[in-house]
Each structure stands twice: as C-alpha cells, then as structure tokens.
PDB file of N, CA and C in Angstrom:
ATOM      1  N   UNK A   1     137.128 124.075 153.650  1.00  0.00           N
ATOM      2  CA  UNK A   1     138.179 123.452 152.866  1.00  0.00           C
ATOM      3  C   UNK A   1     137.667 122.161 152.230  1.00  0.00           C
ATOM      4  N   UNK A   2     138.472 121.604 151.374  1.00  0.00           N
ATOM      5  CA  UNK A   2     138.125 120.380 150.674  1.00  0.00           C
ATOM      6  C   UNK A   2     138.490 119.154 151.505  1.00  0.00           C
ATOM      7  N   UNK A   3     137.700 118.111 151.360  1.00  0.00           N
ATOM      8  CA  UNK A   3     138.011 116.847 152.007  1.00  0.00           C
ATOM      9  C   UNK A   3     139.029 116.107 151.159  1.00  0.00           C
ATOM     10  N   UNK A   4     139.972 115.470 151.795  1.00  0.00           N
ATOM     11  CA  UNK A   4     140.989 114.726 151.070  1.00  0.00           C
ATOM     12  C   UNK A   4     140.558 113.295 150.783  1.00  0.00           C
ATOM     13  N   UNK A   5     139.624 112.776 151.587  1.00  0.00           N
ATOM     14  CA  UNK A   5     139.148 111.413 151.379  1.00  0.00           C
ATOM     15  C   UNK A   5     138.061 111.408 150.302  1.00  0.00           C
ATOM     16  N   UNK A   6     138.104 110.428 149.403  1.00  0.00           N
ATOM     17  CA  UNK A   6     137.047 110.354 148.389  1.00  0.00           C
ATOM     18  C   UNK A   6     135.726 109.917 149.008  1.00  0.00           C
ATOM     19  N   UNK A   7     134.637 110.334 148.395  1.00  0.00           N
ATOM     20  CA  UNK A   7     133.311 109.974 148.889  1.00  0.00           C
ATOM     21  C   UNK A   7     132.949 108.579 148.389  1.00  0.00           C
ATOM     22  N   UNK A   8     132.464 107.750 149.280  1.00  0.00           N
ATOM     23  CA  UNK A   8     132.080 106.382 148.934  1.00  0.00           C
ATOM     24  C   UNK A   8     130.722 106.414 148.233  1.00  0.00           C
ATOM     25  N   UNK A   9     130.621 105.703 147.125  1.00  0.00           N
ATOM     26  CA  UNK A   9     129.385 105.668 146.352  1.00  0.00           C
ATOM     27  C   UNK A   9     128.591 104.431 146.728  1.00  0.00           C
ATOM     28  N   UNK A  10     127.344 104.632 147.061  1.00  0.00           N
ATOM     29  CA  UNK A  10     126.444 103.520 147.356  1.00  0.00           C
ATOM     30  C   UNK A  10     125.839 103.052 146.032  1.00  0.00           C
ATOM     31  N   UNK A  11     125.986 101.779 145.676  1.00  0.00           N
ATOM     32  CA  UNK A  11     125.495 101.321 144.377  1.00  0.00           C
ATOM     33  C   UNK A  11     123.978 101.334 144.239  1.00  0.00           C
ATOM     34  N   UNK A  12     123.242 101.443 145.335  1.00  0.00           N
ATOM     35  CA  UNK A  12     121.785 101.440 145.247  1.00  0.00           C
ATOM     36  C   UNK A  12     121.184 102.836 145.280  1.00  0.00           C
ATOM     37  N   UNK A  13     121.868 103.800 145.864  1.00  0.00           N
ATOM     38  CA  UNK A  13     121.347 105.159 145.927  1.00  0.00           C
ATOM     39  C   UNK A  13     122.392 106.099 145.361  1.00  0.00           C
ATOM     40  N   UNK A  14     122.332 106.331 144.072  1.00  0.00           N
ATOM     41  CA  UNK A  14     123.250 107.265 143.451  1.00  0.00           C
ATOM     42  C   UNK A  14     122.455 108.320 142.700  1.00  0.00           C
ATOM     43  N   UNK A  15     123.121 109.353 142.271  1.00  0.00           N
ATOM     44  CA  UNK A  15     122.428 110.466 141.622  1.00  0.00           C
ATOM     45  C   UNK A  15     121.890 110.103 140.247  1.00  0.00           C
ATOM     46  N   UNK A  16     122.407 109.053 139.630  1.00  0.00           N
ATOM     47  CA  UNK A  16     121.921 108.642 138.318  1.00  0.00           C
ATOM     48  C   UNK A  16     120.624 107.847 138.396  1.00  0.00           C
ATOM     49  N   UNK A  17     120.331 107.255 139.537  1.00  0.00           N
ATOM     50  CA  UNK A  17     119.130 106.459 139.705  1.00  0.00           C
ATOM     51  C   UNK A  17     119.286 105.016 139.271  1.00  0.00           C
ATOM     52  N   UNK A  18     120.510 104.574 139.048  1.00  0.00           N
ATOM     53  CA  UNK A  18     120.764 103.204 138.611  1.00  0.00           C
ATOM     54  C   UNK A  18     120.914 102.314 139.838  1.00  0.00           C
ATOM     55  N   UNK A  19     120.180 101.208 139.856  1.00  0.00           N
ATOM     56  CA  UNK A  19     120.278 100.243 140.938  1.00  0.00           C
ATOM     57  C   UNK A  19     121.043  99.035 140.408  1.00  0.00           C
ATOM     58  N   UNK A  20     122.307  98.937 140.768  1.00  0.00           N
ATOM     59  CA  UNK A  20     123.174  97.891 140.230  1.00  0.00           C
ATOM     60  C   UNK A  20     122.831  96.504 140.759  1.00  0.00           C
ATOM     61  N   UNK A  21     122.398  96.418 142.014  1.00  0.00           N
ATOM     62  CA  UNK A  21     122.026  95.110 142.576  1.00  0.00           C
ATOM     63  C   UNK A  21     120.806  94.532 141.876  1.00  0.00           C
ATOM     64  N   UNK A  22     119.779  95.366 141.666  1.00  0.00           N
ATOM     65  CA  UNK A  22     118.592  94.895 140.969  1.00  0.00           C
ATOM     66  C   UNK A  22     118.909  94.560 139.516  1.00  0.00           C
ATOM     67  N   UNK A  23     119.790  95.319 138.893  1.00  0.00           N
ATOM     68  CA  UNK A  23     120.178  95.050 137.507  1.00  0.00           C
ATOM     69  C   UNK A  23     120.811  93.674 137.384  1.00  0.00           C
ATOM     70  N   UNK A  24     121.666  93.321 138.322  1.00  0.00           N
ATOM     71  CA  UNK A  24     122.335  92.021 138.297  1.00  0.00           C
ATOM     72  C   UNK A  24     121.344  90.880 138.537  1.00  0.00           C
ATOM     73  N   UNK A  25     120.415  91.068 139.485  1.00  0.00           N
ATOM     74  CA  UNK A  25     119.416  90.039 139.769  1.00  0.00           C
ATOM     75  C   UNK A  25     118.531  89.789 138.548  1.00  0.00           C
ATOM     76  N   UNK A  26     118.104  90.854 137.887  1.00  0.00           N
ATOM     77  CA  UNK A  26     117.243  90.715 136.718  1.00  0.00           C
ATOM     78  C   UNK A  26     118.013  90.100 135.559  1.00  0.00           C
ATOM     79  N   UNK A  27     119.263  90.474 135.387  1.00  0.00           N
ATOM     80  CA  UNK A  27     120.083  89.880 134.332  1.00  0.00           C
ATOM     81  C   UNK A  27     120.227  88.374 134.544  1.00  0.00           C
ATOM     82  N   UNK A  28     120.474  87.970 135.770  1.00  0.00           N
ATOM     83  CA  UNK A  28     120.583  86.541 136.076  1.00  0.00           C
ATOM     84  C   UNK A  28     119.268  85.811 135.802  1.00  0.00           C
ATOM     85  N   UNK A  29     118.152  86.421 136.177  1.00  0.00           N
ATOM     86  CA  UNK A  29     116.852  85.797 135.939  1.00  0.00           C
ATOM     87  C   UNK A  29     116.587  85.631 134.440  1.00  0.00           C
ATOM     88  N   UNK A  30     116.838  86.674 133.656  1.00  0.00           N
ATOM     89  CA  UNK A  30     116.533  86.622 132.221  1.00  0.00           C
ATOM     90  C   UNK A  30     117.425  85.616 131.508  1.00  0.00           C
ATOM     91  N   UNK A  31     118.701  85.539 131.867  1.00  0.00           N
ATOM     92  CA  UNK A  31     119.579  84.585 131.188  1.00  0.00           C
ATOM     93  C   UNK A  31     119.205  83.138 131.510  1.00  0.00           C
ATOM     94  N   UNK A  32     118.596  82.897 132.668  1.00  0.00           N
ATOM     95  CA  UNK A  32     118.185  81.539 133.035  1.00  0.00           C
ATOM     96  C   UNK A  32     116.730  81.250 132.682  1.00  0.00           C
ATOM     97  N   UNK A  33     116.044  82.197 132.082  1.00  0.00           N
ATOM     98  CA  UNK A  33     114.619  82.036 131.817  1.00  0.00           C
ATOM     99  C   UNK A  33     114.350  81.201 130.572  1.00  0.00           C
ATOM    100  N   UNK A  34     113.090  80.980 130.304  1.00  0.00           N
ATOM    101  CA  UNK A  34     112.637  80.120 129.220  1.00  0.00           C
ATOM    102  C   UNK A  34     112.214  80.892 127.969  1.00  0.00           C
ATOM    103  N   UNK A  35     112.372  82.194 127.948  1.00  0.00           N
ATOM    104  CA  UNK A  35     111.910  82.994 126.817  1.00  0.00           C
ATOM    105  C   UNK A  35     112.692  82.650 125.540  1.00  0.00           C
ATOM    106  N   UNK A  36     112.004  82.680 124.415  1.00  0.00           N
ATOM    107  CA  UNK A  36     112.642  82.343 123.139  1.00  0.00           C
ATOM    108  C   UNK A  36     113.590  83.443 122.666  1.00  0.00           C
ATOM    109  N   UNK A  37     113.385  84.663 123.109  1.00  0.00           N
ATOM    110  CA  UNK A  37     114.189  85.798 122.660  1.00  0.00           C
ATOM    111  C   UNK A  37     115.402  86.065 123.540  1.00  0.00           C
ATOM    112  N   UNK A  38     115.678  85.197 124.496  1.00  0.00           N
ATOM    113  CA  UNK A  38     116.781  85.422 125.447  1.00  0.00           C
ATOM    114  C   UNK A  38     118.121  85.604 124.741  1.00  0.00           C
ATOM    115  N   UNK A  39     118.377  84.851 123.692  1.00  0.00           N
ATOM    116  CA  UNK A  39     119.654  84.947 122.997  1.00  0.00           C
ATOM    117  C   UNK A  39     119.804  86.206 122.168  1.00  0.00           C
ATOM    118  N   UNK A  40     118.695  86.929 121.932  1.00  0.00           N
ATOM    119  CA  UNK A  40     118.724  88.115 121.082  1.00  0.00           C
ATOM    120  C   UNK A  40     118.724  89.424 121.849  1.00  0.00           C
ATOM    121  N   UNK A  41     118.770  89.373 123.177  1.00  0.00           N
ATOM    122  CA  UNK A  41     118.717  90.599 123.973  1.00  0.00           C
ATOM    123  C   UNK A  41     119.925  90.716 124.902  1.00  0.00           C
ATOM    124  N   UNK A  42     120.206  91.939 125.281  1.00  0.00           N
ATOM    125  CA  UNK A  42     121.220  92.234 126.299  1.00  0.00           C
ATOM    126  C   UNK A  42     120.531  93.114 127.330  1.00  0.00           C
ATOM    127  N   UNK A  43     120.530  92.670 128.579  1.00  0.00           N
ATOM    128  CA  UNK A  43     119.875  93.470 129.616  1.00  0.00           C
ATOM    129  C   UNK A  43     120.774  94.622 130.020  1.00  0.00           C
ATOM    130  N   UNK A  44     120.143  95.749 130.211  1.00  0.00           N
ATOM    131  CA  UNK A  44     120.852  96.939 130.650  1.00  0.00           C
ATOM    132  C   UNK A  44     120.559  97.203 132.110  1.00  0.00           C
ATOM    133  N   UNK A  45     120.768  98.421 132.550  1.00  0.00           N
ATOM    134  CA  UNK A  45     120.549  98.746 133.969  1.00  0.00           C
ATOM    135  C   UNK A  45     119.079  98.950 134.299  1.00  0.00           C
ATOM    136  N   UNK A  46     118.788  98.912 135.595  1.00  0.00           N
ATOM    137  CA  UNK A  46     117.477  99.308 136.096  1.00  0.00           C
ATOM    138  C   UNK A  46     117.607 100.777 136.475  1.00  0.00           C
ATOM    139  N   UNK A  47     116.872 101.605 135.764  1.00  0.00           N
ATOM    140  CA  UNK A  47     116.977 103.053 135.931  1.00  0.00           C
ATOM    141  C   UNK A  47     115.644 103.592 136.431  1.00  0.00           C
ATOM    142  N   UNK A  48     115.561 103.890 137.723  1.00  0.00           N
ATOM    143  CA  UNK A  48     114.339 104.428 138.334  1.00  0.00           C
ATOM    144  C   UNK A  48     113.118 103.565 138.026  1.00  0.00           C
ATOM    145  N   UNK A  49     113.129 102.308 138.379  1.00  0.00           N
ATOM    146  CA  UNK A  49     112.026 101.358 138.187  1.00  0.00           C
ATOM    147  C   UNK A  49     111.731 101.055 136.725  1.00  0.00           C
ATOM    148  N   UNK A  50     112.679 101.285 135.849  1.00  0.00           N
ATOM    149  CA  UNK A  50     112.544 100.964 134.433  1.00  0.00           C
ATOM    150  C   UNK A  50     113.710 100.082 134.024  1.00  0.00           C
ATOM    151  N   UNK A  51     113.405  98.926 133.474  1.00  0.00           N
ATOM    152  CA  UNK A  51     114.435  98.029 132.967  1.00  0.00           C
ATOM    153  C   UNK A  51     114.737  98.406 131.527  1.00  0.00           C
ATOM    154  N   UNK A  52     116.004  98.579 131.221  1.00  0.00           N
ATOM    155  CA  UNK A  52     116.421  98.887 129.862  1.00  0.00           C
ATOM    156  C   UNK A  52     116.968  97.611 129.238  1.00  0.00           C
ATOM    157  N   UNK A  53     116.454  97.284 128.056  1.00  0.00           N
ATOM    158  CA  UNK A  53     116.859  96.078 127.342  1.00  0.00           C
ATOM    159  C   UNK A  53     117.296  96.494 125.945  1.00  0.00           C
ATOM    160  N   UNK A  54     118.454  95.979 125.513  1.00  0.00           N
ATOM    161  CA  UNK A  54     118.979  96.294 124.188  1.00  0.00           C
ATOM    162  C   UNK A  54     118.781  95.099 123.270  1.00  0.00           C
ATOM    163  N   UNK A  55     118.299  95.365 122.048  1.00  0.00           N
ATOM    164  CA  UNK A  55     118.076  94.319 121.055  1.00  0.00           C
ATOM    165  C   UNK A  55     118.813  94.689 119.772  1.00  0.00           C
ATOM    166  N   UNK A  56     118.956  93.695 118.879  1.00  0.00           N
ATOM    167  CA  UNK A  56     119.678  93.931 117.635  1.00  0.00           C
ATOM    168  C   UNK A  56     118.785  94.293 116.454  1.00  0.00           C
ATOM    169  N   UNK A  57     117.523  93.889 116.464  1.00  0.00           N
ATOM    170  CA  UNK A  57     116.662  94.213 115.323  1.00  0.00           C
ATOM    171  C   UNK A  57     115.270  94.613 115.771  1.00  0.00           C
ATOM    172  N   UNK A  58     114.520  95.207 114.857  1.00  0.00           N
ATOM    173  CA  UNK A  58     113.205  95.742 115.195  1.00  0.00           C
ATOM    174  C   UNK A  58     112.175  94.643 115.433  1.00  0.00           C
ATOM    175  N   UNK A  59     112.353  93.483 114.846  1.00  0.00           N
ATOM    176  CA  UNK A  59     111.411  92.374 115.058  1.00  0.00           C
ATOM    177  C   UNK A  59     111.419  91.934 116.516  1.00  0.00           C
ATOM    178  N   UNK A  60     112.608  91.745 117.072  1.00  0.00           N
ATOM    179  CA  UNK A  60     112.719  91.356 118.481  1.00  0.00           C
ATOM    180  C   UNK A  60     112.214  92.482 119.379  1.00  0.00           C
ATOM    181  N   UNK A  61     112.446  93.723 118.968  1.00  0.00           N
ATOM    182  CA  UNK A  61     111.971  94.864 119.742  1.00  0.00           C
ATOM    183  C   UNK A  61     110.450  94.846 119.852  1.00  0.00           C
ATOM    184  N   UNK A  62     109.765  94.577 118.746  1.00  0.00           N
ATOM    185  CA  UNK A  62     108.301  94.531 118.761  1.00  0.00           C
ATOM    186  C   UNK A  62     107.787  93.375 119.615  1.00  0.00           C
ATOM    187  N   UNK A  63     108.436  92.222 119.514  1.00  0.00           N
ATOM    188  CA  UNK A  63     108.040  91.070 120.322  1.00  0.00           C
ATOM    189  C   UNK A  63     108.190  91.383 121.804  1.00  0.00           C
ATOM    190  N   UNK A  64     109.296  91.996 122.158  1.00  0.00           N
ATOM    191  CA  UNK A  64     109.555  92.319 123.564  1.00  0.00           C
ATOM    192  C   UNK A  64     108.602  93.384 124.082  1.00  0.00           C
ATOM    193  N   UNK A  65     108.263  94.359 123.245  1.00  0.00           N
ATOM    194  CA  UNK A  65     107.313  95.386 123.667  1.00  0.00           C
ATOM    195  C   UNK A  65     105.936  94.789 123.905  1.00  0.00           C
ATOM    196  N   UNK A  66     105.533  93.822 123.071  1.00  0.00           N
ATOM    197  CA  UNK A  66     104.236  93.165 123.270  1.00  0.00           C
ATOM    198  C   UNK A  66     104.240  92.290 124.524  1.00  0.00           C
ATOM    199  N   UNK A  67     105.378  91.724 124.858  1.00  0.00           N
ATOM    200  CA  UNK A  67     105.494  90.807 125.990  1.00  0.00           C
ATOM    201  C   UNK A  67     105.985  91.504 127.266  1.00  0.00           C
ATOM    202  N   UNK A  68     106.047  92.828 127.255  1.00  0.00           N
ATOM    203  CA  UNK A  68     106.664  93.546 128.375  1.00  0.00           C
ATOM    204  C   UNK A  68     105.885  93.407 129.679  1.00  0.00           C
ATOM    205  N   UNK A  69     104.548  93.441 129.645  1.00  0.00           N
ATOM    206  CA  UNK A  69     103.773  93.311 130.881  1.00  0.00           C
ATOM    207  C   UNK A  69     103.940  91.932 131.499  1.00  0.00           C
ATOM    208  N   UNK A  70     103.974  90.903 130.657  1.00  0.00           N
ATOM    209  CA  UNK A  70     104.214  89.543 131.140  1.00  0.00           C
ATOM    210  C   UNK A  70     105.607  89.434 131.755  1.00  0.00           C
ATOM    211  N   UNK A  71     106.584  90.066 131.126  1.00  0.00           N
ATOM    212  CA  UNK A  71     107.950  90.065 131.648  1.00  0.00           C
ATOM    213  C   UNK A  71     108.027  90.756 132.999  1.00  0.00           C
ATOM    214  N   UNK A  72     107.363  91.886 133.144  1.00  0.00           N
ATOM    215  CA  UNK A  72     107.358  92.622 134.418  1.00  0.00           C
ATOM    216  C   UNK A  72     106.745  91.765 135.527  1.00  0.00           C
ATOM    217  N   UNK A  73     105.639  91.091 135.216  1.00  0.00           N
ATOM    218  CA  UNK A  73     104.983  90.241 136.213  1.00  0.00           C
ATOM    219  C   UNK A  73     105.886  89.084 136.621  1.00  0.00           C
ATOM    220  N   UNK A  74     106.533  88.434 135.639  1.00  0.00           N
ATOM    221  CA  UNK A  74     107.418  87.309 135.955  1.00  0.00           C
ATOM    222  C   UNK A  74     108.661  87.741 136.724  1.00  0.00           C
ATOM    223  N   UNK A  75     109.195  88.905 136.413  1.00  0.00           N
ATOM    224  CA  UNK A  75     110.350  89.414 137.160  1.00  0.00           C
ATOM    225  C   UNK A  75     109.950  89.673 138.607  1.00  0.00           C
ATOM    226  N   UNK A  76     108.770  90.248 138.817  1.00  0.00           N
ATOM    227  CA  UNK A  76     108.324  90.528 140.184  1.00  0.00           C
ATOM    228  C   UNK A  76     108.089  89.235 140.966  1.00  0.00           C
ATOM    229  N   UNK A  77     107.535  88.223 140.315  1.00  0.00           N
ATOM    230  CA  UNK A  77     107.299  86.931 140.987  1.00  0.00           C
ATOM    231  C   UNK A  77     108.602  86.265 141.392  1.00  0.00           C
ATOM    232  N   UNK A  78     109.576  86.257 140.501  1.00  0.00           N
ATOM    233  CA  UNK A  78     110.790  85.474 140.722  1.00  0.00           C
ATOM    234  C   UNK A  78     111.908  86.219 141.426  1.00  0.00           C
ATOM    235  N   UNK A  79     111.958  87.537 141.333  1.00  0.00           N
ATOM    236  CA  UNK A  79     113.060  88.276 141.951  1.00  0.00           C
ATOM    237  C   UNK A  79     112.598  89.240 143.041  1.00  0.00           C
ATOM    238  N   UNK A  80     111.285  89.433 143.180  1.00  0.00           N
ATOM    239  CA  UNK A  80     110.714  90.358 144.175  1.00  0.00           C
ATOM    240  C   UNK A  80     111.124  91.810 143.907  1.00  0.00           C
ATOM    241  N   UNK A  81     111.401  92.126 142.644  1.00  0.00           N
ATOM    242  CA  UNK A  81     111.759  93.491 142.246  1.00  0.00           C
ATOM    243  C   UNK A  81     110.596  94.070 141.466  1.00  0.00           C
ATOM    244  N   UNK A  82     110.087  95.219 141.895  1.00  0.00           N
ATOM    245  CA  UNK A  82     108.956  95.848 141.229  1.00  0.00           C
ATOM    246  C   UNK A  82     109.454  96.834 140.179  1.00  0.00           C
ATOM    247  N   UNK A  83     108.978  96.636 138.958  1.00  0.00           N
ATOM    248  CA  UNK A  83     109.307  97.529 137.851  1.00  0.00           C
ATOM    249  C   UNK A  83     108.037  98.191 137.349  1.00  0.00           C
ATOM    250  N   UNK A  84     108.184  99.397 136.803  1.00  0.00           N
ATOM    251  CA  UNK A  84     107.037 100.081 136.222  1.00  0.00           C
ATOM    252  C   UNK A  84     106.924  99.805 134.733  1.00  0.00           C
ATOM    253  N   UNK A  85     108.054  99.751 134.036  1.00  0.00           N
ATOM    254  CA  UNK A  85     108.003  99.426 132.616  1.00  0.00           C
ATOM    255  C   UNK A  85     109.346  98.922 132.110  1.00  0.00           C
ATOM    256  N   UNK A  86     109.333  98.483 130.856  1.00  0.00           N
ATOM    257  CA  UNK A  86     110.529  97.984 130.195  1.00  0.00           C
ATOM    258  C   UNK A  86     110.781  98.882 128.989  1.00  0.00           C
ATOM    259  N   UNK A  87     111.972  99.433 128.905  1.00  0.00           N
ATOM    260  CA  UNK A  87     112.356 100.285 127.787  1.00  0.00           C
ATOM    261  C   UNK A  87     113.220  99.456 126.842  1.00  0.00           C
ATOM    262  N   UNK A  88     112.698  99.161 125.665  1.00  0.00           N
ATOM    263  CA  UNK A  88     113.408  98.340 124.681  1.00  0.00           C
ATOM    264  C   UNK A  88     114.054  99.270 123.667  1.00  0.00           C
ATOM    265  N   UNK A  89     115.367  99.143 123.530  1.00  0.00           N
ATOM    266  CA  UNK A  89     116.116 100.001 122.615  1.00  0.00           C
ATOM    267  C   UNK A  89     116.939  99.150 121.670  1.00  0.00           C
ATOM    268  N   UNK A  90     117.103  99.655 120.450  1.00  0.00           N
ATOM    269  CA  UNK A  90     117.988  98.980 119.491  1.00  0.00           C
ATOM    270  C   UNK A  90     119.408  99.392 119.820  1.00  0.00           C
ATOM    271  N   UNK A  91     120.313  98.416 119.879  1.00  0.00           N
ATOM    272  CA  UNK A  91     121.698  98.708 120.276  1.00  0.00           C
ATOM    273  C   UNK A  91     122.370  99.638 119.272  1.00  0.00           C
ATOM    274  N   UNK A  92     123.353 100.378 119.726  1.00  0.00           N
ATOM    275  CA  UNK A  92     124.019 101.386 118.899  1.00  0.00           C
ATOM    276  C   UNK A  92     124.714 100.803 117.682  1.00  0.00           C
ATOM    277  N   UNK A  93     125.142  99.568 117.756  1.00  0.00           N
ATOM    278  CA  UNK A  93     125.848  98.938 116.650  1.00  0.00           C
ATOM    279  C   UNK A  93     124.927  98.789 115.441  1.00  0.00           C
ATOM    280  N   UNK A  94     123.643  98.517 115.679  1.00  0.00           N
ATOM    281  CA  UNK A  94     122.696  98.239 114.609  1.00  0.00           C
ATOM    282  C   UNK A  94     121.925  99.464 114.128  1.00  0.00           C
ATOM    283  N   UNK A  95     122.084 100.618 114.742  1.00  0.00           N
ATOM    284  CA  UNK A  95     121.326 101.797 114.333  1.00  0.00           C
ATOM    285  C   UNK A  95     121.866 102.414 113.075  1.00  0.00           C
TER     286      UNK A  95
END
C-alpha cells in the first residue's frame, strides 16, 4: 500500500544532485569577494561539483571563463568546498 506520510527531502542528497548548503556558502563568498565582475553575475546552484553562474552579456562570460580556475581555487581555500568546474551561462532574459 501507499504511505500516507510525505517523504522528507534531504537538501544535500537529492536525485537532482543539487547541494543547497554548498550553493548558499559559495553565493555568500562571491557576494563578499573582491572580484570586479561580482555585480554582473548571479550565482546558481552547485550541481554535482559544478558551480553554475549566470551572466548578462558575453563579455562577462568570457572574463569569467578565463578566470574560472582561479575562482575554483579561491572558493576551495575560503569555503572548503571542492569544485571540478564552473559553468557560465547567459541568463534567459538576455538570450
């Protein structure tokens, strides 16, 4: 038979692979950081060791892609979160 109680979702281990705690920590770090492009980006979720970042134009996208390894190293130093890469996407509004 079916269970009447809803299943509790763990925010760190879900079927989508999104880690909400790490996403919040990285968002806090980036908003307080010294990068010049901070005002032009919106941090997205951490999806299976990949940080998704949304930008408004292709110029910022190229800058962020060139600086992605430095960003990964600084995130690991300051938040103790290991990432494999950064996925930079242009936001849907600007496409």
